[in-house]
C-alpha atoms as a PDB file:
ATOM      1  CA  MET A   1     -19.033  11.148 -11.219  1.00  0.00           C
ATOM      2  CA  ARG A   2     -16.423   8.397 -11.341  1.00  0.00           C
ATOM      3  CA  GLU A   3     -15.999   8.539  -7.574  1.00  0.00           C
ATOM      4  CA  GLY A   4     -19.768   8.497  -6.952  1.00  0.00           C
ATOM      5  CA  ARG A   5     -20.382   5.440  -9.105  1.00  0.00           C
ATOM      6  CA  ILE A   6     -17.511   3.514  -7.544  1.00  0.00           C
ATOM      7  CA  PHE A   7     -18.490   4.142  -3.935  1.00  0.00           C
ATOM      8  CA  ALA A   8     -22.180   3.623  -4.644  1.00  0.00           C
ATOM      9  CA  SER A   9     -21.435   0.166  -6.029  1.00  0.00           C
ATOM     10  CA  LEU A  10     -19.171  -0.654  -3.086  1.00  0.00           C
ATOM     11  CA  LEU A  11     -21.784   0.400  -0.556  1.00  0.00           C
ATOM     12  CA  ALA A  12     -24.432  -1.611  -2.388  1.00  0.00           C
ATOM     13  CA  ALA A  13     -22.223  -4.678  -2.034  1.00  0.00           C
ATOM     14  CA  GLY A  14     -22.112  -4.133   1.738  1.00  0.00           C
ATOM     15  CA  ALA A  15     -18.330  -3.925   1.695  1.00  0.00           C
ATOM     16  CA  LEU A  16     -17.706  -0.647   3.479  1.00  0.00           C
ATOM     17  CA  SER A  17     -18.122  -0.509   7.228  1.00  0.00           C
ATOM     18  CA  LEU A  18     -17.424   2.089   9.867  1.00  0.00           C
ATOM     19  CA  GLY A  19     -13.939   0.649  10.165  1.00  0.00           C
ATOM     20  CA  LEU A  20     -12.213   2.356   7.248  1.00  0.00           C
ATOM     21  CA  ALA A  21      -9.352   3.145   9.575  1.00  0.00           C
ATOM     22  CA  GLY A  22      -6.352   5.329   8.962  1.00  0.00           C
ATOM     23  CA  THR A  23      -3.340   6.307  10.982  1.00  0.00           C
ATOM     24  CA  ALA A  24      -2.780   9.644  12.614  1.00  0.00           C
ATOM     25  CA  SER A  25       0.977   9.525  13.043  1.00  0.00           C
ATOM     26  CA  ALA A  26       3.503  10.096  10.281  1.00  0.00           C
ATOM     27  CA  LEU A  27       6.700   8.263   9.651  1.00  0.00           C
ATOM     28  CA  VAL A  28       9.309  10.819  10.650  1.00  0.00           C
ATOM     29  CA  ASP A  29      11.934  10.820   7.955  1.00  0.00           C
ATOM     30  CA  ASP A  30      13.317  13.222   5.376  1.00  0.00           C
ATOM     31  CA  ASN A  31      12.486  10.836   2.536  1.00  0.00           C
ATOM     32  CA  ALA A  32       9.040   9.447   3.377  1.00  0.00           C
ATOM     33  CA  SER A  33       5.740  10.694   4.740  1.00  0.00           C
ATOM     34  CA  LEU A  34       2.147   9.835   5.508  1.00  0.00           C
ATOM     35  CA  ALA A  35       1.243  13.519   5.704  1.00  0.00           C
ATOM     36  CA  GLN A  36       2.961  15.403   2.871  1.00  0.00           C
ATOM     37  CA  PRO A  37       2.548  15.060  -0.910  1.00  0.00           C
ATOM     38  CA  ALA A  38       5.301  12.908  -2.393  1.00  0.00           C
ATOM     39  CA  THR A  39       6.849  11.805  -5.678  1.00  0.00           C
ATOM     40  CA  GLU A  40       6.028   8.086  -5.478  1.00  0.00           C
ATOM     41  CA  LEU A  41       3.230   6.324  -3.611  1.00  0.00           C
ATOM     42  CA  VAL A  42       3.129   2.683  -2.499  1.00  0.00           C
ATOM     43  CA  MET A  43      -0.190   0.948  -1.733  1.00  0.00           C
ATOM     44  CA  PRO A  44      -1.491  -2.621  -1.617  1.00  0.00           C
ATOM     45  CA  PHE A  45      -4.396  -3.989  -3.606  1.00  0.00           C
ATOM     46  CA  ASP A  46      -6.273  -7.264  -3.219  1.00  0.00           C
ATOM     47  CA  ASN A  47      -8.808  -8.477  -5.754  1.00  0.00           C
ATOM     48  CA  SER A  48      -8.454 -12.149  -4.918  1.00  0.00           C
ATOM     49  CA  PHE A  49     -11.505 -14.269  -4.112  1.00  0.00           C
ATOM     50  CA  ASN A  50     -14.320 -12.167  -2.595  1.00  0.00           C
ATOM     51  CA  ARG A  51     -12.115  -9.127  -2.028  1.00  0.00           C
ATOM     52  CA  ALA A  52     -12.337  -5.720  -3.678  1.00  0.00           C
ATOM     53  CA  SER A  53      -9.911  -2.793  -3.729  1.00  0.00           C
ATOM     54  CA  TYR A  54     -10.089   0.885  -4.561  1.00  0.00           C
ATOM     55  CA  LEU A  55      -7.158   3.270  -4.858  1.00  0.00           C
ATOM     56  CA  ILE A  56      -7.467   7.045  -4.505  1.00  0.00           C
ATOM     57  CA  VAL A  57      -4.708   9.413  -5.692  1.00  0.00           C
ATOM     58  CA  SER A  58      -4.819  13.217  -5.671  1.00  0.00           C
ATOM     59  CA  ASN A  59      -2.556  16.022  -6.885  1.00  0.00           C
ATOM     60  CA  PRO A  60      -3.148  18.844  -4.353  1.00  0.00           C
ATOM     61  CA  TYR A  61      -0.980  21.500  -5.969  1.00  0.00           C
ATOM     62  CA  ALA A  62       1.866  20.146  -8.099  1.00  0.00           C
ATOM     63  CA  SER A  63       2.405  21.609 -11.576  1.00  0.00           C
ATOM     64  CA  SER A  64       4.833  21.210 -14.459  1.00  0.00           C
ATOM     65  CA  PRO A  65       6.718  24.133 -16.047  1.00  0.00           C
ATOM     66  CA  ALA A  66       4.462  23.994 -19.110  1.00  0.00           C
ATOM     67  CA  VAL A  67       1.097  23.151 -17.560  1.00  0.00           C
ATOM     68  CA  ALA A  68      -0.744  22.923 -14.224  1.00  0.00           C
ATOM     69  CA  ALA A  69      -0.616  19.125 -14.245  1.00  0.00           C
ATOM     70  CA  VAL A  70       1.559  16.074 -13.740  1.00  0.00           C
ATOM     71  CA  THR A  71       1.376  12.688 -15.382  1.00  0.00           C
ATOM     72  CA  THR A  72       1.293   9.673 -13.069  1.00  0.00           C
ATOM     73  CA  HIS A  73       2.686   6.268 -13.953  1.00  0.00           C
ATOM     74  CA  TRP A  74       0.877   3.345 -12.298  1.00  0.00           C
ATOM     75  CA  THR A  75       2.630  -0.022 -12.021  1.00  0.00           C
ATOM     76  CA  PHE A  76       0.892  -3.043 -10.484  1.00  0.00           C
ATOM     77  CA  TRP A  77       3.200  -5.728  -9.065  1.00  0.00           C
ATOM     78  CA  GLY A  78       2.133  -9.285  -8.285  1.00  0.00           C
ATOM     79  CA  ALA A  79       3.263 -11.362  -5.326  1.00  0.00           C
ATOM     80  CA  ASP A  80       6.099 -12.840  -7.434  1.00  0.00           C
ATOM     81  CA  CYS A  81       7.377  -9.422  -8.604  1.00  0.00           C
ATOM     82  CA  GLN A  82       5.700  -9.903 -11.963  1.00  0.00           C
ATOM     83  CA  GLU A  83       4.550  -6.643 -13.505  1.00  0.00           C
ATOM     84  CA  LEU A  84       0.810  -7.119 -13.959  1.00  0.00           C
ATOM     85  CA  ALA A  85      -0.037  -3.791 -15.579  1.00  0.00           C
ATOM     86  CA  ASN A  86       1.225  -0.275 -16.165  1.00  0.00           C
ATOM     87  CA  PHE A  87      -0.379   2.855 -17.592  1.00  0.00           C
ATOM     88  CA  SER A  88      -0.473   6.646 -17.200  1.00  0.00           C
ATOM     89  CA  ILE A  89      -3.088   8.985 -15.736  1.00  0.00           C
ATOM     90  CA  CYS A  90      -2.968  12.761 -16.142  1.00  0.00           C
ATOM     91  CA  LEU A  91      -3.734  14.692 -12.941  1.00  0.00           C
ATOM     92  CA  THR A  92      -4.257  18.425 -13.157  1.00  0.00           C
ATOM     93  CA  THR A  93      -3.711  20.536 -10.028  1.00  0.00           C
ATOM     94  CA  ASN A  94      -6.326  19.662  -7.356  1.00  0.00           C
ATOM     95  CA  ASP A  95      -7.441  16.651  -9.410  1.00  0.00           C
ATOM     96  CA  THR A  96      -8.380  13.263  -7.910  1.00  0.00           C
ATOM     97  CA  VAL A  97      -8.827   9.830  -9.456  1.00  0.00           C
ATOM     98  CA  VAL A  98     -10.338   6.660  -7.989  1.00  0.00           C
ATOM     99  CA  VAL A  99      -9.051   3.439  -9.564  1.00  0.00           C
ATOM    100  CA  ASP A 100     -10.745   0.046  -9.486  1.00  0.00           C
ATOM    101  CA  PRO A 101      -8.096  -2.613 -10.327  1.00  0.00           C
ATOM    102  CA  THR A 102     -10.752  -4.683 -12.093  1.00  0.00           C
ATOM    103  CA  ASN A 103     -11.742  -1.880 -14.468  1.00  0.00           C
ATOM    104  CA  MET A 104      -8.970   0.612 -15.190  1.00  0.00           C
ATOM    105  CA  THR A 105      -7.435   2.378 -18.143  1.00  0.00           C
ATOM    106  CA  ALA A 106      -5.111   5.245 -18.997  1.00  0.00           C
ATOM    107  CA  ILE A 107      -6.599   8.749 -18.673  1.00  0.00           C
ATOM    108  CA  GLY A 108      -5.449  11.713 -20.725  1.00  0.00           C
ATOM    109  CA  ALA A 109      -5.528  15.496 -20.303  1.00  0.00           C
ATOM    110  CA  ASP A 110      -9.221  15.681 -21.191  1.00  0.00           C
ATOM    111  CA  ASN A 111     -10.160  13.284 -18.350  1.00  0.00           C
ATOM    112  CA  LYS A 112     -11.223  10.728 -20.928  1.00  0.00           C
ATOM    113  CA  PRO A 113     -10.106   7.056 -20.833  1.00  0.00           C
ATOM    114  CA  SER A 114      -7.736   5.892 -23.537  1.00  0.00           C
ATOM    115  CA  GLY A 115      -6.330   2.518 -24.499  1.00  0.00           C
ATOM    116  CA  PRO A 116      -7.482  -0.930 -23.425  1.00  0.00           C
ATOM    117  CA  THR A 117      -9.375  -1.695 -20.223  1.00  0.00           C
ATOM    118  CA  ILE A 118      -7.285  -3.625 -17.693  1.00  0.00           C
ATOM    119  CA  ASN A 119      -8.889  -6.168 -15.366  1.00  0.00           C
ATOM    120  CA  LEU A 120      -6.839  -7.596 -12.472  1.00  0.00           C
ATOM    121  CA  SER A 121      -9.627  -9.736 -11.000  1.00  0.00           C
ATOM    122  CA  GLY A 122      -8.120 -12.539  -8.942  1.00  0.00           C
ATOM    123  CA  GLN A 123      -4.818 -10.680  -8.509  1.00  0.00           C
ATOM    124  CA  ARG A 124      -3.211  -9.012  -5.504  1.00  0.00           C
ATOM    125  CA  GLY A 125       0.040  -7.231  -4.765  1.00  0.00           C
ATOM    126  CA  ILE A 126       1.192  -3.621  -4.525  1.00  0.00           C
ATOM    127  CA  VAL A 127       0.906  -0.625  -6.815  1.00  0.00           C
ATOM    128  CA  THR A 128       3.473   2.138  -7.191  1.00  0.00           C
ATOM    129  CA  VAL A 129       2.276   5.509  -8.496  1.00  0.00           C
ATOM    130  CA  THR A 130       4.997   7.922  -9.650  1.00  0.00           C
ATOM    131  CA  ALA A 131       4.544  11.593 -10.558  1.00  0.00           C
ATOM    132  CA  TYR A 132       6.371  13.108 -13.531  1.00  0.00           C
ATOM    133  CA  GLN A 133       6.476  16.605 -14.961  1.00  0.00           C
ATOM    134  CA  THR A 134       4.544  16.691 -18.199  1.00  0.00           C
ATOM    135  CA  ASP A 135       3.850  18.804 -21.299  1.00  0.00           C
ATOM    136  CA  THR A 136       0.785  20.781 -22.434  1.00  0.00           C
ATOM    137  CA  ASP A 137      -0.795  17.598 -23.798  1.00  0.00           C
ATOM    138  CA  CYS A 138      -0.092  15.703 -20.555  1.00  0.00           C
ATOM    139  CA  ASN A 139       1.680  12.974 -22.476  1.00  0.00           C
ATOM    140  CA  PRO A 140       2.927   9.864 -20.637  1.00  0.00           C
ATOM    141  CA  TRP A 141       6.089   9.958 -18.557  1.00  0.00           C
ATOM    142  CA  ASP A 142       8.256   8.184 -21.157  1.00  0.00           C
ATOM    143  CA  GLU A 143       7.518  10.871 -23.770  1.00  0.00           C
ATOM    144  CA  THR A 144       8.305  13.944 -21.675  1.00  0.00           C
ATOM    145  CA  GLY A 145      11.870  13.476 -20.420  1.00  0.00           C
ATOM    146  CA  ARG A 146      11.270  11.351 -17.306  1.00  0.00           C
ATOM    147  CA  ARG A 147      11.556  14.308 -14.914  1.00  0.00           C
ATOM    148  CA  LEU A 148      10.173  13.392 -11.491  1.00  0.00           C
ATOM    149  CA  ALA A 149       7.715  15.787  -9.844  1.00  0.00           C
ATOM    150  CA  GLN A 150       8.536  16.502  -6.213  1.00  0.00           C
ATOM    151  CA  GLY A 151       5.782  16.868  -3.595  1.00  0.00           C
ATOM    152  CA  ALA A 152       2.979  15.942  -5.977  1.00  0.00           C
ATOM    153  CA  LEU A 153       0.812  13.054  -4.793  1.00  0.00           C
ATOM    154  CA  VAL A 154      -1.209  11.867  -1.823  1.00  0.00           C
ATOM    155  CA  GLY A 155      -3.038   8.558  -1.806  1.00  0.00           C
ATOM    156  CA  THR A 156      -5.359   6.257   0.108  1.00  0.00           C
ATOM    157  CA  PHE A 157      -6.540   2.695  -0.383  1.00  0.00           C
ATOM    158  CA  THR A 158      -9.342   0.469   0.843  1.00  0.00           C
ATOM    159  CA  ILE A 159      -9.588  -3.331   0.720  1.00  0.00           C
ATOM    160  CA  ALA A 160     -13.024  -4.828   1.346  1.00  0.00           C
ATOM    161  CA  ASP A 161     -13.865  -8.395   2.337  1.00  0.00           C
ATOM    162  CA  LEU A 162     -17.193  -9.075   0.639  1.00  0.00           C
ATOM    163  CA  THR A 163     -17.737 -12.324   2.543  1.00  0.00           C
ATOM    164  CA  TYR A 164     -17.565 -10.894   6.054  1.00  0.00           C
ATOM    165  CA  GLY A 165     -18.679  -7.348   5.256  1.00  0.00           C
ATOM    166  CA  TYR A 166     -15.812  -5.261   6.587  1.00  0.00           C
ATOM    167  CA  SER A 167     -13.016  -3.244   5.054  1.00  0.00           C
ATOM    168  CA  ILE A 168      -9.604  -1.888   5.967  1.00  0.00           C
ATOM    169  CA  GLY A 169      -8.056   1.296   4.687  1.00  0.00           C
ATOM    170  CA  ASN A 170      -4.999   3.452   5.203  1.00  0.00           C
ATOM    171  CA  ASP A 171      -2.824   6.122   3.643  1.00  0.00           C
ATOM    172  CA  ALA A 172      -0.280   5.338   0.982  1.00  0.00           C
ATOM    173  CA  LEU A 173       3.398   5.428   1.853  1.00  0.00           C
ATOM    174  CA  GLY A 174       4.782   8.538   0.171  1.00  0.00           C
ATOM    175  CA  LEU A 175       8.413   8.656  -0.989  1.00  0.00           C
ATOM    176  CA  PHE A 176      10.269  11.852  -1.858  1.00  0.00           C
ATOM    177  CA  SER A 177      12.884  12.360  -4.558  1.00  0.00           C
ATOM    178  CA  ALA A 178      16.242  14.080  -5.043  1.00  0.00           C
ATOM    179  CA  ASN A 179      18.395  14.441  -8.158  1.00  0.00           C
ATOM    180  CA  ASN A 180      15.606  12.876 -10.224  1.00  0.00           C
ATOM    181  CA  GLN A 181      15.660   9.693  -8.140  1.00  0.00           C
ATOM    182  CA  VAL A 182      13.209   8.409  -5.556  1.00  0.00           C
ATOM    183  CA  GLN A 183      14.677   8.128  -2.062  1.00  0.00           C
ATOM    184  CA  LEU A 184      13.954   5.408   0.476  1.00  0.00           C
ATOM    185  CA  PRO A 185      13.911   6.391   4.166  1.00  0.00           C
ATOM    186  CA  SER A 186      17.482   6.891   5.299  1.00  0.00           C
ATOM    187  CA  GLY A 187      19.417   5.341   8.142  1.00  0.00           C
ATOM    188  CA  ASP A 188      19.529   1.864   9.624  1.00  0.00           C
ATOM    189  CA  VAL A 189      16.213   0.611  11.006  1.00  0.00           C
ATOM    190  CA  ARG A 190      16.479  -1.453  14.194  1.00  0.00           C
ATOM    191  CA  ARG A 191      12.937  -2.756  13.972  1.00  0.00           C
ATOM    192  CA  TYR A 192       9.551  -2.212  12.339  1.00  0.00           C
ATOM    193  CA  VAL A 193       6.538  -2.123  14.673  1.00  0.00           C
ATOM    194  CA  LEU A 194       2.932  -3.018  13.825  1.00  0.00           C
ATOM    195  CA  GLU A 195       0.008  -2.683  16.219  1.00  0.00           C
ATOM    196  CA  THR A 196      -2.336  -5.671  16.434  1.00  0.00           C
ATOM    197  CA  LEU A 197      -5.622  -6.391  18.138  1.00  0.00           C
ATOM    198  CA  ASN A 198      -6.525  -9.644  19.864  1.00  0.00           C
ATOM    199  CA  PRO A 199      -6.386 -12.253  17.063  1.00  0.00           C
ATOM    200  CA  THR A 200      -9.213 -14.240  18.684  1.00  0.00           C
ATOM    201  CA  THR A 201     -11.673 -11.310  18.608  1.00  0.00           C
ATOM    202  CA  GLU A 202     -14.993 -12.054  16.919  1.00  0.00           C
ATOM    203  CA  PRO A 203     -15.714 -12.857  14.126  1.00  0.00           C
ATOM    204  CA  GLY A 204     -12.689 -15.006  14.849  1.00  0.00           C
ATOM    205  CA  ILE A 205      -9.378 -15.805  13.267  1.00  0.00           C
ATOM    206  CA  GLU A 206     -10.878 -17.634  10.303  1.00  0.00           C
ATOM    207  CA  ALA A 207     -12.954 -14.598   9.304  1.00  0.00           C
ATOM    208  CA  GLY A 208     -10.014 -12.788   7.862  1.00  0.00           C
ATOM    209  CA  SER A 209      -6.934 -10.982   9.000  1.00  0.00           C
ATOM    210  CA  LEU A 210      -4.243  -9.666   6.758  1.00  0.00           C
ATOM    211  CA  VAL A 211      -0.550  -8.897   7.081  1.00  0.00           C
ATOM    212  CA  ILE A 212       0.729  -7.358   3.848  1.00  0.00           C
ATOM    213  CA  SER A 213       4.452  -6.729   3.469  1.00  0.00           C
ATOM    214  CA  SER A 214       6.889  -5.850   0.702  1.00  0.00           C
ATOM    215  CA  TRP A 215      10.629  -5.209   0.742  1.00  0.00           C
ATOM    216  CA  LEU A 216      11.320  -2.092  -1.350  1.00  0.00           C
ATOM    217  CA  VAL A 217      14.574  -1.233  -3.155  1.00  0.00           C
ATOM    218  CA  ILE A 218      15.610   1.396  -5.691  1.00  0.00           C
ATOM    219  CA  ASP A 219      15.934   0.039  -9.223  1.00  0.00           C
ATOM    220  CA  LYS A 220      18.219   1.156 -12.074  1.00  0.00           C
ATOM    221  CA  ASN A 221      15.667   3.784 -13.118  1.00  0.00           C
ATOM    222  CA  GLY A 222      15.735   5.435  -9.714  1.00  0.00           C
ATOM    223  CA  LEU A 223      12.303   4.204  -8.617  1.00  0.00           C
ATOM    224  CA  ALA A 224      11.157   2.231  -5.583  1.00  0.00           C
ATOM    225  CA  VAL A 225      10.099  -1.303  -6.578  1.00  0.00           C
ATOM    226  CA  PRO A 226       9.487  -4.586  -4.724  1.00  0.00           C
ATOM    227  CA  SER A 227      12.592  -6.753  -4.409  1.00  0.00           C
ATOM    228  CA  ASP A 228      12.682 -10.384  -5.498  1.00  0.00           C
ATOM    229  CA  GLU A 229      15.657 -10.969  -3.162  1.00  0.00           C
ATOM    230  CA  GLY A 230      13.886  -9.726  -0.051  1.00  0.00           C
ATOM    231  CA  GLU A 231      14.901  -9.572   3.594  1.00  0.00           C
ATOM    232  CA  GLU A 232      14.743 -11.901   6.599  1.00  0.00           C
ATOM    233  CA  PHE A 233      13.172 -10.791   9.896  1.00  0.00           C
ATOM    234  CA  TRP A 234      13.064 -11.986  13.486  1.00  0.00           C
ATOM    235  CA  LEU A 235       9.524 -11.643  14.904  1.00  0.00           C
ATOM    236  CA  THR A 236       8.373 -10.945  18.459  1.00  0.00           C
ATOM    237  CA  HIS A 237       4.899 -10.138  19.811  1.00  0.00           C
ATOM    238  CA  HIS A 238       4.544  -7.998  22.965  1.00  0.00           C
ATOM    239  CA  ASP A 239       1.080  -8.226  24.512  1.00  0.00           C
ATOM    240  CA  ASN A 240      -0.722  -5.555  26.560  1.00  0.00           C
ATOM    241  CA  LEU A 241       1.159  -6.713  29.688  1.00  0.00           C
ATOM    242  CA  GLU A 242       4.492  -6.286  27.854  1.00  0.00           C
ATOM    243  CA  ILE A 243       4.996 -10.062  27.788  1.00  0.00           C
ATOM    244  CA  ALA A 244       7.164 -11.011  24.811  1.00  0.00           C
ATOM    245  CA  THR A 245       6.454 -14.081  22.681  1.00  0.00           C
ATOM    246  CA  SER A 246       9.024 -15.161  20.121  1.00  0.00           C
ATOM    247  CA  LEU A 247       7.547 -16.086  16.729  1.00  0.00           C
ATOM    248  CA  PRO A 248       9.049 -17.928  13.746  1.00  0.00           C
ATOM    249  CA  ASP A 249      11.229 -15.893  11.417  1.00  0.00           C
ATOM    250  CA  ILE A 250       9.661 -14.516   8.265  1.00  0.00           C
ATOM    251  CA  SER A 251      11.027 -13.731   4.824  1.00  0.00           C
ATOM    252  CA  VAL A 252       9.661 -10.689   3.007  1.00  0.00           C
ATOM    253  CA  GLY A 253      10.283 -10.412  -0.706  1.00  0.00           C
ATOM    254  CA  CYS A 254       8.112  -9.035  -3.480  1.00  0.00           C
ATOM    255  CA  VAL A 255       4.726  -8.954  -1.776  1.00  0.00           C
ATOM    256  CA  GLU A 256       3.694 -11.259   1.065  1.00  0.00           C
ATOM    257  CA  PHE A 257       0.099 -11.880   2.154  1.00  0.00           C
ATOM    258  CA  ASN A 258      -0.160 -13.569   5.541  1.00  0.00           C
ATOM    259  CA  SER A 259      -2.877 -13.960   8.139  1.00  0.00           C
ATOM    260  CA  ILE A 260      -2.445 -13.136  11.819  1.00  0.00           C
ATOM    261  CA  ALA A 261      -3.238 -16.583  13.161  1.00  0.00           C
ATOM    262  CA  SER A 262      -5.528 -18.480  10.786  1.00  0.00           C
ATOM    263  CA  ALA A 263      -4.628 -22.132  10.346  1.00  0.00           C
ATOM    264  CA  GLY A 264      -3.627 -23.008   6.795  1.00  0.00           C
ATOM    265  CA  LYS A 265      -3.318 -19.384   5.662  1.00  0.00           C
ATOM    266  CA  GLN A 266       0.389 -18.662   6.161  1.00  0.00           C
ATOM    267  CA  PRO A 267      -0.099 -17.324   9.690  1.00  0.00           C
ATOM    268  CA  ILE A 268       2.306 -14.981  11.441  1.00  0.00           C
ATOM    269  CA  ILE A 269       1.298 -16.599  14.744  1.00  0.00           C
ATOM    270  CA  PRO A 270       1.484 -20.407  14.322  1.00  0.00           C
ATOM    271  CA  THR A 271      -1.218 -22.684  15.673  1.00  0.00           C
ATOM    272  CA  TYR A 272       1.023 -23.968  18.473  1.00  0.00           C
ATOM    273  CA  VAL A 273       1.433 -20.444  19.929  1.00  0.00           C
ATOM    274  CA  THR A 274      -1.419 -18.894  21.943  1.00  0.00           C
ATOM    275  CA  ILE A 275      -1.796 -15.112  21.885  1.00  0.00           C
ATOM    276  CA  ASN A 276      -5.112 -13.661  23.040  1.00  0.00           C
ATOM    277  CA  SER A 277      -4.246 -10.036  23.580  1.00  0.00           C
ATOM    278  CA  SER A 278      -3.701  -6.882  21.607  1.00  0.00           C
ATOM    279  CA  GLY A 279      -0.112  -5.702  21.350  1.00  0.00           C
ATOM    280  CA  ILE A 280       2.701  -4.908  18.978  1.00  0.00           C
ATOM    281  CA  LEU A 281       4.361  -7.112  16.388  1.00  0.00           C
ATOM    282  CA  SER A 282       8.078  -6.337  16.084  1.00  0.00           C
ATOM    283  CA  MET A 283       9.963  -7.204  12.898  1.00  0.00           C
ATOM    284  CA  TRP A 284      13.737  -7.061  13.347  1.00  0.00           C
ATOM    285  CA  PRO A 285      15.727  -7.087  10.054  1.00  0.00           C
ATOM    286  CA  LYS A 286      18.592  -9.576  10.146  1.00  0.00           C
ATOM    287  CA  ASP A 287      20.794  -7.662   7.707  1.00  0.00           C
ATOM    288  CA  ALA A 288      21.587  -3.989   7.249  1.00  0.00           C
ATOM    289  CA  SER A 289      21.068  -4.211   3.508  1.00  0.00           C
ATOM    290  CA  ASP A 290      19.669  -1.299   1.547  1.00  0.00           C
ATOM    291  CA  GLY A 291      15.923  -1.383   1.392  1.00  0.00           C
ATOM    292  CA  PHE A 292      12.803  -0.504   3.331  1.00  0.00           C
ATOM    293  CA  LEU A 293       9.835  -2.492   4.614  1.00  0.00           C
ATOM    294  CA  PHE A 294       6.328  -1.510   3.555  1.00  0.00           C
ATOM    295  CA  ALA A 295       3.956  -3.390   5.852  1.00  0.00           C
ATOM    296  CA  LEU A 296       0.510  -3.190   7.393  1.00  0.00           C
ATOM    297  CA  VAL A 297      -1.892  -5.234   9.484  1.00  0.00           C
ATOM    298  CA  GLY A 298      -5.634  -5.438   8.801  1.00  0.00           C
ATOM    299  CA  GLN A 299      -8.094  -7.210  11.078  1.00  0.00           C
ATOM    300  CA  ALA A 300     -11.845  -7.704  11.446  1.00  0.00           C
ATOM    301  CA  VAL A 301     -13.221  -6.655  14.815  1.00  0.00           C
ATOM    302  CA  GLY A 302     -16.922  -7.450  14.805  1.00  0.00           C
ATOM    303  CA  PRO A 303     -18.387  -5.303  11.999  1.00  0.00           C
ATOM    304  CA  TYR A 304     -15.364  -3.007  12.003  1.00  0.00           C
ATOM    305  CA  GLY A 305     -12.107  -3.045  10.115  1.00  0.00           C
ATOM    306  CA  PHE A 306      -8.810  -2.177  11.808  1.00  0.00           C
ATOM    307  CA  SER A 307      -5.615  -1.186  10.023  1.00  0.00           C
ATOM    308  CA  SER A 308      -2.120  -0.373  11.273  1.00  0.00           C
ATOM    309  CA  ARG A 309       0.855   0.785   9.198  1.00  0.00           C
ATOM    310  CA  ALA A 310       4.399  -0.169  10.190  1.00  0.00           C
ATOM    311  CA  LYS A 311       6.439   2.401  12.105  1.00  0.00           C
ATOM    312  CA  VAL A 312      10.208   2.353  12.535  1.00  0.00           C
ATOM    313  CA  GLN A 313      12.612   2.349  15.473  1.00  0.00           C
ATOM    314  CA  ARG A 314      16.145   3.453  14.677  1.00  0.00           C
END
C-alpha cells in the first residue's frame, strides 16, 4: 500500500517518464556490486526546488540468528557533509520499503511508523543504508551489538524533475563487508568513466542535467561515509569520434551537484568549450589516497531521462 500511494502521487504529478533508466553492467570488484545484495547501499537524493526523490530498498533473503529480519540504518548527508537525518527501518526477509525524503520515519518490526516524521524538502545529498543483524523485536542497530549483515540489501532510486517532466533512476552502489567493517572497492583506480549524451540535445542544456558525485571513505565506525577532505580529478571528454577535449579540473568532496553544460549552474563543460556529441567523461584521480568515487550522470533527452553510473579502469 505504501508503494502504491507513493507511485500514484508521482505519476499524478507527471514526474515519471519512460526514461527511468538503469545500468546493465556491474562494477567488477570483490567489495562492491550493482547486482548482488550488499551490506551498505549508497544513493543520491534531490528534493531541492521542483525535484522529487524516492528510494527503494529490499531485503531479498538476509536473516539474523534470532529472527528472519535485519534492521537498516538510514543516514542522509547534505552537500557539506552535515548529517541531515538518521533513523532505523526493520526489513524482514523479502521485505521492501519505499522512502520519500519529504515524509519519512522509523519503521519497527510490525511495519508501523514510529517516532517523529522527517521532512527534507529543499535538501539534497546522498543517503547511506546499512544492514545490521537484529533481535526478535527488530530493535535499532545501536541496541543489538552493531553486527553488520552481509549480503542483505539491494536498492534503487529515482529523481524526478517536476518542471520538465522527466526522471532519472539507477541502482544503488552496494558495498560488502568483512570483519564487521564495510569495504570500499580495492586497488588503485586509474580513472572513472561516465557515459554522456549530447549536452545540446533538446530540451536543451538549461532544461536540466545532473552530475552527482561524492568521495567515499571509511570512518572510525567501519562505515562508508562522504569525505569532507575530498579528491581532485583531471577531466577529459572523448566524443563519438574519439576526439579528446580537456576540461577544467574538479574537486569532489562530500556531495557535489553539477550540470553538464548549463551556464551559471556549476557546469562540468564550461561555456567557452563546445561539445555537441555523446561520449565518455573521464575523471582521473590526482592522488592515490584511500577512497572511492560514487558518481553518476543524469540528462533529459526529449521526454526521456538518461542515467549513467561511473565505471572504473584500473
